[in-house]
Amino acid sequence: VSVKGAVHIMVFKVFTVAPENYEPIKERIAERFPGNYYEVGDGQWLVADAGTAKEIYIRLFPEAEFPLAAKNVAVFGITGYWGFAPQDMWEWIRSKTGAKLG
């Protein structure tokens, strides 16, 4: 069902290729997406936002601030998912996207 003027929220996977130094990225995600991220594991987060993967990346690393580990981070849009994970992760995804579980 599509509602005119509604904003579609998508979940993005953000992860660092160099997980030994992910704290600055974790802090940046918390600062730029308060209440809209879920830490999956070391150096891995889900971020809920209405933007594109590129827009998420640019919000995390504006060109003027590019030196921060920006070359070791990738953002992917998630269009489907399946598997076993902690229940609170599935609930977080549902709360952000309105998806039905089960």
PDB file of N, CA and C in Angstrom:
ATOM      1  N   VAL A   1       0.849  -1.169   0.000  1.00  0.00           N
ATOM      2  CA  VAL A   1       0.000   0.000   0.000  1.00  0.00           C
ATOM      3  C   VAL A   1       0.894   1.232   0.000  1.00  0.00           C
ATOM      4  N   SER A   2       0.634   2.125  -0.918  1.00  0.00           N
ATOM      5  CA  SER A   2       1.426   3.343  -1.000  1.00  0.00           C
ATOM      6  C   SER A   2       0.566   4.523  -0.558  1.00  0.00           C
ATOM      7  N   VAL A   3       1.132   5.358   0.263  1.00  0.00           N
ATOM      8  CA  VAL A   3       0.421   6.531   0.748  1.00  0.00           C
ATOM      9  C   VAL A   3       1.110   7.768   0.184  1.00  0.00           C
ATOM     10  N   LYS A   4       0.349   8.632  -0.456  1.00  0.00           N
ATOM     11  CA  LYS A   4       0.925   9.833  -1.043  1.00  0.00           C
ATOM     12  C   LYS A   4       1.576  10.688   0.042  1.00  0.00           C
ATOM     13  N   GLY A   5       2.817  11.071  -0.207  1.00  0.00           N
ATOM     14  CA  GLY A   5       3.540  11.911   0.732  1.00  0.00           C
ATOM     15  C   GLY A   5       4.240  11.129   1.839  1.00  0.00           C
ATOM     16  N   ALA A   6       4.037   9.802   1.875  1.00  0.00           N
ATOM     17  CA  ALA A   6       4.675   8.988   2.913  1.00  0.00           C
ATOM     18  C   ALA A   6       6.160   8.834   2.615  1.00  0.00           C
ATOM     19  N   VAL A   7       6.955   8.766   3.666  1.00  0.00           N
ATOM     20  CA  VAL A   7       8.390   8.567   3.525  1.00  0.00           C
ATOM     21  C   VAL A   7       8.684   7.094   3.724  1.00  0.00           C
ATOM     22  N   HIS A   8       9.355   6.493   2.766  1.00  0.00           N
ATOM     23  CA  HIS A   8       9.727   5.082   2.866  1.00  0.00           C
ATOM     24  C   HIS A   8      11.052   4.981   3.602  1.00  0.00           C
ATOM     25  N   ILE A   9      11.045   4.297   4.721  1.00  0.00           N
ATOM     26  CA  ILE A   9      12.262   4.099   5.507  1.00  0.00           C
ATOM     27  C   ILE A   9      12.890   2.780   5.083  1.00  0.00           C
ATOM     28  N   MET A  10      14.170   2.821   4.809  1.00  0.00           N
ATOM     29  CA  MET A  10      14.907   1.637   4.393  1.00  0.00           C
ATOM     30  C   MET A  10      16.001   1.362   5.406  1.00  0.00           C
ATOM     31  N   VAL A  11      16.363   0.110   5.534  1.00  0.00           N
ATOM     32  CA  VAL A  11      17.455  -0.268   6.431  1.00  0.00           C
ATOM     33  C   VAL A  11      18.717  -0.447   5.599  1.00  0.00           C
ATOM     34  N   PHE A  12      19.807   0.130   6.086  1.00  0.00           N
ATOM     35  CA  PHE A  12      21.098   0.046   5.422  1.00  0.00           C
ATOM     36  C   PHE A  12      22.081  -0.670   6.328  1.00  0.00           C
ATOM     37  N   LYS A  13      22.954  -1.441   5.740  1.00  0.00           N
ATOM     38  CA  LYS A  13      24.028  -2.081   6.506  1.00  0.00           C
ATOM     39  C   LYS A  13      25.273  -1.234   6.305  1.00  0.00           C
ATOM     40  N   VAL A  14      25.851  -0.795   7.411  1.00  0.00           N
ATOM     41  CA  VAL A  14      27.095  -0.017   7.383  1.00  0.00           C
ATOM     42  C   VAL A  14      28.138  -0.873   8.075  1.00  0.00           C
ATOM     43  N   PHE A  15      29.266  -1.070   7.410  1.00  0.00           N
ATOM     44  CA  PHE A  15      30.322  -1.791   8.097  1.00  0.00           C
ATOM     45  C   PHE A  15      31.681  -1.263   7.696  1.00  0.00           C
ATOM     46  N   THR A  16      32.618  -1.470   8.593  1.00  0.00           N
ATOM     47  CA  THR A  16      33.983  -1.042   8.349  1.00  0.00           C
ATOM     48  C   THR A  16      34.813  -2.242   7.929  1.00  0.00           C
ATOM     49  N   VAL A  17      35.702  -2.024   6.996  1.00  0.00           N
ATOM     50  CA  VAL A  17      36.577  -3.072   6.502  1.00  0.00           C
ATOM     51  C   VAL A  17      37.755  -3.270   7.458  1.00  0.00           C
ATOM     52  N   ALA A  18      37.987  -2.294   8.321  1.00  0.00           N
ATOM     53  CA  ALA A  18      39.094  -2.344   9.282  1.00  0.00           C
ATOM     54  C   ALA A  18      38.519  -2.314  10.699  1.00  0.00           C
ATOM     55  N   PRO A  19      37.926  -3.428  11.165  1.00  0.00           N
ATOM     56  CA  PRO A  19      37.223  -3.423  12.444  1.00  0.00           C
ATOM     57  C   PRO A  19      38.086  -3.181  13.674  1.00  0.00           C
ATOM     58  N   GLU A  20      39.404  -3.205  13.534  1.00  0.00           N
ATOM     59  CA  GLU A  20      40.236  -2.965  14.708  1.00  0.00           C
ATOM     60  C   GLU A  20      40.161  -1.519  15.189  1.00  0.00           C
ATOM     61  N   ASN A  21      39.656  -0.610  14.369  1.00  0.00           N
ATOM     62  CA  ASN A  21      39.559   0.798  14.757  1.00  0.00           C
ATOM     63  C   ASN A  21      38.203   1.353  14.343  1.00  0.00           C
ATOM     64  N   TYR A  22      37.139   0.797  14.903  1.00  0.00           N
ATOM     65  CA  TYR A  22      35.799   1.219  14.486  1.00  0.00           C
ATOM     66  C   TYR A  22      35.132   2.196  15.447  1.00  0.00           C
ATOM     67  N   GLU A  23      35.731   2.485  16.591  1.00  0.00           N
ATOM     68  CA  GLU A  23      35.104   3.381  17.573  1.00  0.00           C
ATOM     69  C   GLU A  23      34.749   4.763  17.000  1.00  0.00           C
ATOM     70  N   PRO A  24      35.642   5.427  16.224  1.00  0.00           N
ATOM     71  CA  PRO A  24      35.259   6.737  15.670  1.00  0.00           C
ATOM     72  C   PRO A  24      34.041   6.653  14.746  1.00  0.00           C
ATOM     73  N   ILE A  25      33.915   5.561  14.017  1.00  0.00           N
ATOM     74  CA  ILE A  25      32.768   5.390  13.119  1.00  0.00           C
ATOM     75  C   ILE A  25      31.509   5.133  13.946  1.00  0.00           C
ATOM     76  N   LYS A  26      31.631   4.325  14.981  1.00  0.00           N
ATOM     77  CA  LYS A  26      30.504   4.057  15.880  1.00  0.00           C
ATOM     78  C   LYS A  26      29.986   5.361  16.483  1.00  0.00           C
ATOM     79  N   GLU A  27      30.895   6.220  16.944  1.00  0.00           N
ATOM     80  CA  GLU A  27      30.506   7.509  17.522  1.00  0.00           C
ATOM     81  C   GLU A  27      29.816   8.388  16.491  1.00  0.00           C
ATOM     82  N   ARG A  28      30.312   8.372  15.273  1.00  0.00           N
ATOM     83  CA  ARG A  28      29.725   9.184  14.208  1.00  0.00           C
ATOM     84  C   ARG A  28      28.328   8.693  13.851  1.00  0.00           C
ATOM     85  N   ILE A  29      28.128   7.403  13.787  1.00  0.00           N
ATOM     86  CA  ILE A  29      26.799   6.857  13.498  1.00  0.00           C
ATOM     87  C   ILE A  29      25.830   7.257  14.604  1.00  0.00           C
ATOM     88  N   ALA A  30      26.246   7.125  15.863  1.00  0.00           N
ATOM     89  CA  ALA A  30      25.393   7.497  16.993  1.00  0.00           C
ATOM     90  C   ALA A  30      25.043   8.982  16.956  1.00  0.00           C
ATOM     91  N   GLU A  31      25.987   9.808  16.551  1.00  0.00           N
ATOM     92  CA  GLU A  31      25.776  11.262  16.483  1.00  0.00           C
ATOM     93  C   GLU A  31      24.867  11.651  15.321  1.00  0.00           C
ATOM     94  N   ARG A  32      25.059  11.042  14.172  1.00  0.00           N
ATOM     95  CA  ARG A  32      24.333  11.442  12.959  1.00  0.00           C
ATOM     96  C   ARG A  32      23.005  10.719  12.765  1.00  0.00           C
ATOM     97  N   PHE A  33      22.822   9.571  13.431  1.00  0.00           N
ATOM     98  CA  PHE A  33      21.583   8.792  13.304  1.00  0.00           C
ATOM     99  C   PHE A  33      21.063   8.378  14.681  1.00  0.00           C
ATOM    100  N   PRO A  34      20.885   9.340  15.599  1.00  0.00           N
ATOM    101  CA  PRO A  34      20.452   8.979  16.959  1.00  0.00           C
ATOM    102  C   PRO A  34      19.104   8.245  16.938  1.00  0.00           C
ATOM    103  N   GLY A  35      19.063   7.112  17.630  1.00  0.00           N
ATOM    104  CA  GLY A  35      17.831   6.336  17.705  1.00  0.00           C
ATOM    105  C   GLY A  35      17.498   5.553  16.445  1.00  0.00           C
ATOM    106  N   ASN A  36      18.333   5.667  15.417  1.00  0.00           N
ATOM    107  CA  ASN A  36      18.046   4.998  14.151  1.00  0.00           C
ATOM    108  C   ASN A  36      19.170   4.072  13.697  1.00  0.00           C
ATOM    109  N   TYR A  37      19.862   3.486  14.662  1.00  0.00           N
ATOM    110  CA  TYR A  37      20.894   2.517  14.299  1.00  0.00           C
ATOM    111  C   TYR A  37      20.854   1.364  15.288  1.00  0.00           C
ATOM    112  N   TYR A  38      21.364   0.237  14.840  1.00  0.00           N
ATOM    113  CA  TYR A  38      21.419  -0.971  15.659  1.00  0.00           C
ATOM    114  C   TYR A  38      22.791  -1.586  15.424  1.00  0.00           C
ATOM    115  N   GLU A  39      23.543  -1.810  16.490  1.00  0.00           N
ATOM    116  CA  GLU A  39      24.870  -2.403  16.342  1.00  0.00           C
ATOM    117  C   GLU A  39      24.736  -3.916  16.237  1.00  0.00           C
ATOM    118  N   VAL A  40      25.119  -4.451  15.093  1.00  0.00           N
ATOM    119  CA  VAL A  40      25.025  -5.879  14.830  1.00  0.00           C
ATOM    120  C   VAL A  40      26.198  -6.612  15.476  1.00  0.00           C
ATOM    121  N   GLY A  41      27.371  -6.024  15.386  1.00  0.00           N
ATOM    122  CA  GLY A  41      28.596  -6.613  15.934  1.00  0.00           C
ATOM    123  C   GLY A  41      29.719  -5.614  15.775  1.00  0.00           C
ATOM    124  N   ASP A  42      30.923  -6.020  16.114  1.00  0.00           N
ATOM    125  CA  ASP A  42      32.068  -5.122  15.988  1.00  0.00           C
ATOM    126  C   ASP A  42      32.196  -4.611  14.557  1.00  0.00           C
ATOM    127  N   GLY A  43      32.093  -3.300  14.402  1.00  0.00           N
ATOM    128  CA  GLY A  43      32.252  -2.685  13.094  1.00  0.00           C
ATOM    129  C   GLY A  43      31.093  -2.879  12.138  1.00  0.00           C
ATOM    130  N   GLN A  44      29.907  -3.251  12.654  1.00  0.00           N
ATOM    131  CA  GLN A  44      28.742  -3.482  11.803  1.00  0.00           C
ATOM    132  C   GLN A  44      27.490  -2.897  12.433  1.00  0.00           C
ATOM    133  N   TRP A  45      26.752  -2.133  11.640  1.00  0.00           N
ATOM    134  CA  TRP A  45      25.527  -1.497  12.130  1.00  0.00           C
ATOM    135  C   TRP A  45      24.442  -1.566  11.079  1.00  0.00           C
ATOM    136  N   LEU A  46      23.198  -1.543  11.554  1.00  0.00           N
ATOM    137  CA  LEU A  46      22.062  -1.301  10.677  1.00  0.00           C
ATOM    138  C   LEU A  46      21.644   0.137  10.941  1.00  0.00           C
ATOM    139  N   VAL A  47      21.331   0.870   9.888  1.00  0.00           N
ATOM    140  CA  VAL A  47      20.900   2.262  10.004  1.00  0.00           C
ATOM    141  C   VAL A  47      19.581   2.397   9.263  1.00  0.00           C
ATOM    142  N   ALA A  48      18.587   3.002   9.903  1.00  0.00           N
ATOM    143  CA  ALA A  48      17.289   3.236   9.270  1.00  0.00           C
ATOM    144  C   ALA A  48      17.232   4.686   8.819  1.00  0.00           C
ATOM    145  N   ASP A  49      16.931   4.893   7.547  1.00  0.00           N
ATOM    146  CA  ASP A  49      16.886   6.253   7.004  1.00  0.00           C
ATOM    147  C   ASP A  49      16.125   6.231   5.689  1.00  0.00           C
ATOM    148  N   ALA A  50      15.614   7.376   5.283  1.00  0.00           N
ATOM    149  CA  ALA A  50      14.875   7.489   4.028  1.00  0.00           C
ATOM    150  C   ALA A  50      15.790   7.805   2.853  1.00  0.00           C
ATOM    151  N   GLY A  51      17.082   7.973   3.089  1.00  0.00           N
ATOM    152  CA  GLY A  51      18.021   8.318   2.024  1.00  0.00           C
ATOM    153  C   GLY A  51      18.514   7.103   1.258  1.00  0.00           C
ATOM    154  N   THR A  52      19.502   7.344   0.410  1.00  0.00           N
ATOM    155  CA  THR A  52      20.143   6.277  -0.355  1.00  0.00           C
ATOM    156  C   THR A  52      21.430   5.868   0.354  1.00  0.00           C
ATOM    157  N   ALA A  53      22.041   4.784  -0.089  1.00  0.00           N
ATOM    158  CA  ALA A  53      23.315   4.351   0.492  1.00  0.00           C
ATOM    159  C   ALA A  53      24.357   5.459   0.352  1.00  0.00           C
ATOM    160  N   LYS A  54      24.400   6.117  -0.794  1.00  0.00           N
ATOM    161  CA  LYS A  54      25.351   7.211  -1.005  1.00  0.00           C
ATOM    162  C   LYS A  54      25.079   8.372  -0.044  1.00  0.00           C
ATOM    163  N   GLU A  55      23.808   8.712   0.156  1.00  0.00           N
ATOM    164  CA  GLU A  55      23.466   9.809   1.076  1.00  0.00           C
ATOM    165  C   GLU A  55      23.850   9.473   2.517  1.00  0.00           C
ATOM    166  N   ILE A  56      23.679   8.213   2.911  1.00  0.00           N
ATOM    167  CA  ILE A  56      24.086   7.792   4.259  1.00  0.00           C
ATOM    168  C   ILE A  56      25.596   7.974   4.400  1.00  0.00           C
ATOM    169  N   TYR A  57      26.347   7.527   3.409  1.00  0.00           N
ATOM    170  CA  TYR A  57      27.801   7.634   3.428  1.00  0.00           C
ATOM    171  C   TYR A  57      28.234   9.100   3.531  1.00  0.00           C
ATOM    172  N   ILE A  58      27.619   9.959   2.739  1.00  0.00           N
ATOM    173  CA  ILE A  58      27.978  11.390   2.750  1.00  0.00           C
ATOM    174  C   ILE A  58      27.616  12.033   4.084  1.00  0.00           C
ATOM    175  N   ARG A  59      26.499  11.629   4.698  1.00  0.00           N
ATOM    176  CA  ARG A  59      26.173  12.152   6.041  1.00  0.00           C
ATOM    177  C   ARG A  59      27.205  11.712   7.064  1.00  0.00           C
ATOM    178  N   LEU A  60      27.718  10.512   6.900  1.00  0.00           N
ATOM    179  CA  LEU A  60      28.756  10.029   7.809  1.00  0.00           C
ATOM    180  C   LEU A  60      30.099  10.704   7.547  1.00  0.00           C
ATOM    181  N   PHE A  61      30.410  10.921   6.282  1.00  0.00           N
ATOM    182  CA  PHE A  61      31.717  11.456   5.890  1.00  0.00           C
ATOM    183  C   PHE A  61      31.588  12.583   4.878  1.00  0.00           C
ATOM    184  N   PRO A  62      31.190  13.783   5.325  1.00  0.00           N
ATOM    185  CA  PRO A  62      31.161  14.922   4.393  1.00  0.00           C
ATOM    186  C   PRO A  62      32.571  15.136   3.839  1.00  0.00           C
ATOM    187  N   GLU A  63      32.664  15.599   2.609  1.00  0.00           N
ATOM    188  CA  GLU A  63      33.974  15.757   1.962  1.00  0.00           C
ATOM    189  C   GLU A  63      34.975  16.541   2.791  1.00  0.00           C
ATOM    190  N   ALA A  64      34.525  17.553   3.496  1.00  0.00           N
ATOM    191  CA  ALA A  64      35.446  18.374   4.298  1.00  0.00           C
ATOM    192  C   ALA A  64      36.081  17.571   5.437  1.00  0.00           C
ATOM    193  N   GLU A  65      35.451  16.463   5.824  1.00  0.00           N
ATOM    194  CA  GLU A  65      35.945  15.654   6.941  1.00  0.00           C
ATOM    195  C   GLU A  65      36.432  14.280   6.480  1.00  0.00           C
ATOM    196  N   PHE A  66      36.707  14.120   5.224  1.00  0.00           N
ATOM    197  CA  PHE A  66      37.013  12.830   4.629  1.00  0.00           C
ATOM    198  C   PHE A  66      38.125  12.015   5.274  1.00  0.00           C
ATOM    199  N   PRO A  67      39.153  12.582   5.902  1.00  0.00           N
ATOM    200  CA  PRO A  67      40.250  11.749   6.409  1.00  0.00           C
ATOM    201  C   PRO A  67      39.851  10.637   7.385  1.00  0.00           C
ATOM    202  N   LEU A  68      38.765  10.793   8.102  1.00  0.00           N
ATOM    203  CA  LEU A  68      38.361   9.772   9.070  1.00  0.00           C
ATOM    204  C   LEU A  68      38.030   8.454   8.368  1.00  0.00           C
ATOM    205  N   ALA A  69      38.818   7.473   8.478  1.00  0.00           N
ATOM    206  CA  ALA A  69      38.598   6.087   8.010  1.00  0.00           C
ATOM    207  C   ALA A  69      37.557   5.896   6.907  1.00  0.00           C
ATOM    208  N   ALA A  70      37.275   6.917   6.128  1.00  0.00           N
ATOM    209  CA  ALA A  70      36.206   6.850   5.136  1.00  0.00           C
ATOM    210  C   ALA A  70      36.466   5.816   4.050  1.00  0.00           C
ATOM    211  N   LYS A  71      37.702   5.506   3.795  1.00  0.00           N
ATOM    212  CA  LYS A  71      38.009   4.539   2.742  1.00  0.00           C
ATOM    213  C   LYS A  71      37.803   3.103   3.205  1.00  0.00           C
ATOM    214  N   ASN A  72      37.559   2.908   4.486  1.00  0.00           N
ATOM    215  CA  ASN A  72      37.364   1.566   5.020  1.00  0.00           C
ATOM    216  C   ASN A  72      35.934   1.316   5.455  1.00  0.00           C
ATOM    217  N   VAL A  73      34.984   2.031   4.861  1.00  0.00           N
ATOM    218  CA  VAL A  73      33.573   1.887   5.230  1.00  0.00           C
ATOM    219  C   VAL A  73      32.746   1.664   3.968  1.00  0.00           C
ATOM    220  N   ALA A  74      31.777   0.767   4.069  1.00  0.00           N
ATOM    221  CA  ALA A  74      30.854   0.527   2.961  1.00  0.00           C
ATOM    222  C   ALA A  74      29.428   0.590   3.495  1.00  0.00           C
ATOM    223  N   VAL A  75      28.505   1.080   2.657  1.00  0.00           N
ATOM    224  CA  VAL A  75      27.087   1.175   3.017  1.00  0.00           C
ATOM    225  C   VAL A  75      26.293   0.431   1.950  1.00  0.00           C
ATOM    226  N   PHE A  76      25.430  -0.476   2.387  1.00  0.00           N
ATOM    227  CA  PHE A  76      24.600  -1.245   1.475  1.00  0.00           C
ATOM    228  C   PHE A  76      23.141  -1.109   1.871  1.00  0.00           C
ATOM    229  N   GLY A  77      22.260  -0.909   0.894  1.00  0.00           N
ATOM    230  CA  GLY A  77      20.827  -0.925   1.151  1.00  0.00           C
ATOM    231  C   GLY A  77      20.359  -2.369   1.256  1.00  0.00           C
ATOM    232  N   ILE A  78      19.506  -2.661   2.214  1.00  0.00           N
ATOM    233  CA  ILE A  78      18.994  -4.012   2.410  1.00  0.00           C
ATOM    234  C   ILE A  78      17.559  -4.053   1.893  1.00  0.00           C
ATOM    235  N   THR A  79      17.328  -4.893   0.900  1.00  0.00           N
ATOM    236  CA  THR A  79      15.983  -4.988   0.331  1.00  0.00           C
ATOM    237  C   THR A  79      15.264  -6.252   0.765  1.00  0.00           C
ATOM    238  N   GLY A  80      15.984  -7.167   1.361  1.00  0.00           N
ATOM    239  CA  GLY A  80      15.388  -8.394   1.858  1.00  0.00           C
ATOM    240  C   GLY A  80      16.316  -9.009   2.887  1.00  0.00           C
ATOM    241  N   TYR A  81      15.770  -9.863   3.707  1.00  0.00           N
ATOM    242  CA  TYR A  81      16.599 -10.496   4.725  1.00  0.00           C
ATOM    243  C   TYR A  81      15.968 -11.811   5.150  1.00  0.00           C
ATOM    244  N   TRP A  82      16.812 -12.712   5.628  1.00  0.00           N
ATOM    245  CA  TRP A  82      16.352 -14.008   6.098  1.00  0.00           C
ATOM    246  C   TRP A  82      17.457 -14.598   6.949  1.00  0.00           C
ATOM    247  N   GLY A  83      17.128 -15.339   7.959  1.00  0.00           N
ATOM    248  CA  GLY A  83      18.135 -16.022   8.745  1.00  0.00           C
ATOM    249  C   GLY A  83      17.807 -16.034  10.219  1.00  0.00           C
ATOM    250  N   PHE A  84      18.812 -16.373  11.009  1.00  0.00           N
ATOM    251  CA  PHE A  84      18.680 -16.430  12.451  1.00  0.00           C
ATOM    252  C   PHE A  84      19.511 -15.320  13.056  1.00  0.00           C
ATOM    253  N   ALA A  85      18.912 -14.566  13.942  1.00  0.00           N
ATOM    254  CA  ALA A  85      19.580 -13.450  14.615  1.00  0.00           C
ATOM    255  C   ALA A  85      18.824 -13.179  15.906  1.00  0.00           C
ATOM    256  N   PRO A  86      19.408 -12.378  16.790  1.00  0.00           N
ATOM    257  CA  PRO A  86      18.706 -12.048  18.036  1.00  0.00           C
ATOM    258  C   PRO A  86      17.330 -11.427  17.756  1.00  0.00           C
ATOM    259  N   GLN A  87      16.344 -11.796  18.554  1.00  0.00           N
ATOM    260  CA  GLN A  87      14.981 -11.303  18.377  1.00  0.00           C
ATOM    261  C   GLN A  87      14.914  -9.775  18.389  1.00  0.00           C
ATOM    262  N   ASP A  88      15.737  -9.131  19.229  1.00  0.00           N
ATOM    263  CA  ASP A  88      15.668  -7.668  19.299  1.00  0.00           C
ATOM    264  C   ASP A  88      16.098  -7.014  17.988  1.00  0.00           C
ATOM    265  N   MET A  89      16.964  -7.675  17.199  1.00  0.00           N
ATOM    266  CA  MET A  89      17.329  -7.125  15.898  1.00  0.00           C
ATOM    267  C   MET A  89      16.140  -7.161  14.946  1.00  0.00           C
ATOM    268  N   TRP A  90      15.420  -8.288  14.916  1.00  0.00           N
ATOM    269  CA  TRP A  90      14.234  -8.383  14.054  1.00  0.00           C
ATOM    270  C   TRP A  90      13.181  -7.350  14.477  1.00  0.00           C
ATOM    271  N   GLU A  91      13.005  -7.180  15.773  1.00  0.00           N
ATOM    272  CA  GLU A  91      12.043  -6.196  16.269  1.00  0.00           C
ATOM    273  C   GLU A  91      12.462  -4.778  15.902  1.00  0.00           C
ATOM    274  N   TRP A  92      13.764  -4.497  15.952  1.00  0.00           N
ATOM    275  CA  TRP A  92      14.259  -3.176  15.556  1.00  0.00           C
ATOM    276  C   TRP A  92      13.948  -2.926  14.085  1.00  0.00           C
ATOM    277  N   ILE A  93      14.234  -3.903  13.230  1.00  0.00           N
ATOM    278  CA  ILE A  93      13.954  -3.754  11.795  1.00  0.00           C
ATOM    279  C   ILE A  93      12.456  -3.518  11.576  1.00  0.00           C
ATOM    280  N   ARG A  94      11.625  -4.306  12.248  1.00  0.00           N
ATOM    281  CA  ARG A  94      10.172  -4.146  12.100  1.00  0.00           C
ATOM    282  C   ARG A  94       9.720  -2.767  12.550  1.00  0.00           C
ATOM    283  N   SER A  95      10.258  -2.300  13.682  1.00  0.00           N
ATOM    284  CA  SER A  95       9.835  -0.993  14.199  1.00  0.00           C
ATOM    285  C   SER A  95      10.243   0.139  13.267  1.00  0.00           C
ATOM    286  N   LYS A  96      11.343  -0.035  12.539  1.00  0.00           N
ATOM    287  CA  LYS A  96      11.827   1.019  11.644  1.00  0.00           C
ATOM    288  C   LYS A  96      11.180   0.974  10.267  1.00  0.00           C
ATOM    289  N   THR A  97      10.809  -0.211   9.821  1.00  0.00           N
ATOM    290  CA  THR A  97      10.285  -0.347   8.441  1.00  0.00           C
ATOM    291  C   THR A  97       8.808  -0.658   8.373  1.00  0.00           C
ATOM    292  N   GLY A  98       8.217  -1.093   9.489  1.00  0.00           N
ATOM    293  CA  GLY A  98       6.819  -1.494   9.466  1.00  0.00           C
ATOM    294  C   GLY A  98       6.629  -2.895   8.894  1.00  0.00           C
ATOM    295  N   ALA A  99       7.734  -3.623   8.696  1.00  0.00           N
ATOM    296  CA  ALA A  99       7.660  -4.975   8.132  1.00  0.00           C
ATOM    297  C   ALA A  99       7.010  -5.923   9.126  1.00  0.00           C
ATOM    298  N   LYS A 100       6.364  -6.940   8.605  1.00  0.00           N
ATOM    299  CA  LYS A 100       5.758  -7.980   9.443  1.00  0.00           C
ATOM    300  C   LYS A 100       6.777  -9.081   9.663  1.00  0.00           C
ATOM    301  N   LEU A 101       6.848  -9.577  10.872  1.00  0.00           N
ATOM    302  CA  LEU A 101       7.750 -10.682  11.182  1.00  0.00           C
ATOM    303  C   LEU A 101       7.016 -12.002  11.027  1.00  0.00           C
ATOM    304  N   GLY A 102       7.776 -13.035  10.702  1.00  0.00           N
ATOM    305  CA  GLY A 102       7.178 -14.370  10.636  1.00  0.00           C
ATOM    306  C   GLY A 102       6.921 -14.715   9.248  1.00  0.00           C
TER     307      GLY A 102
END
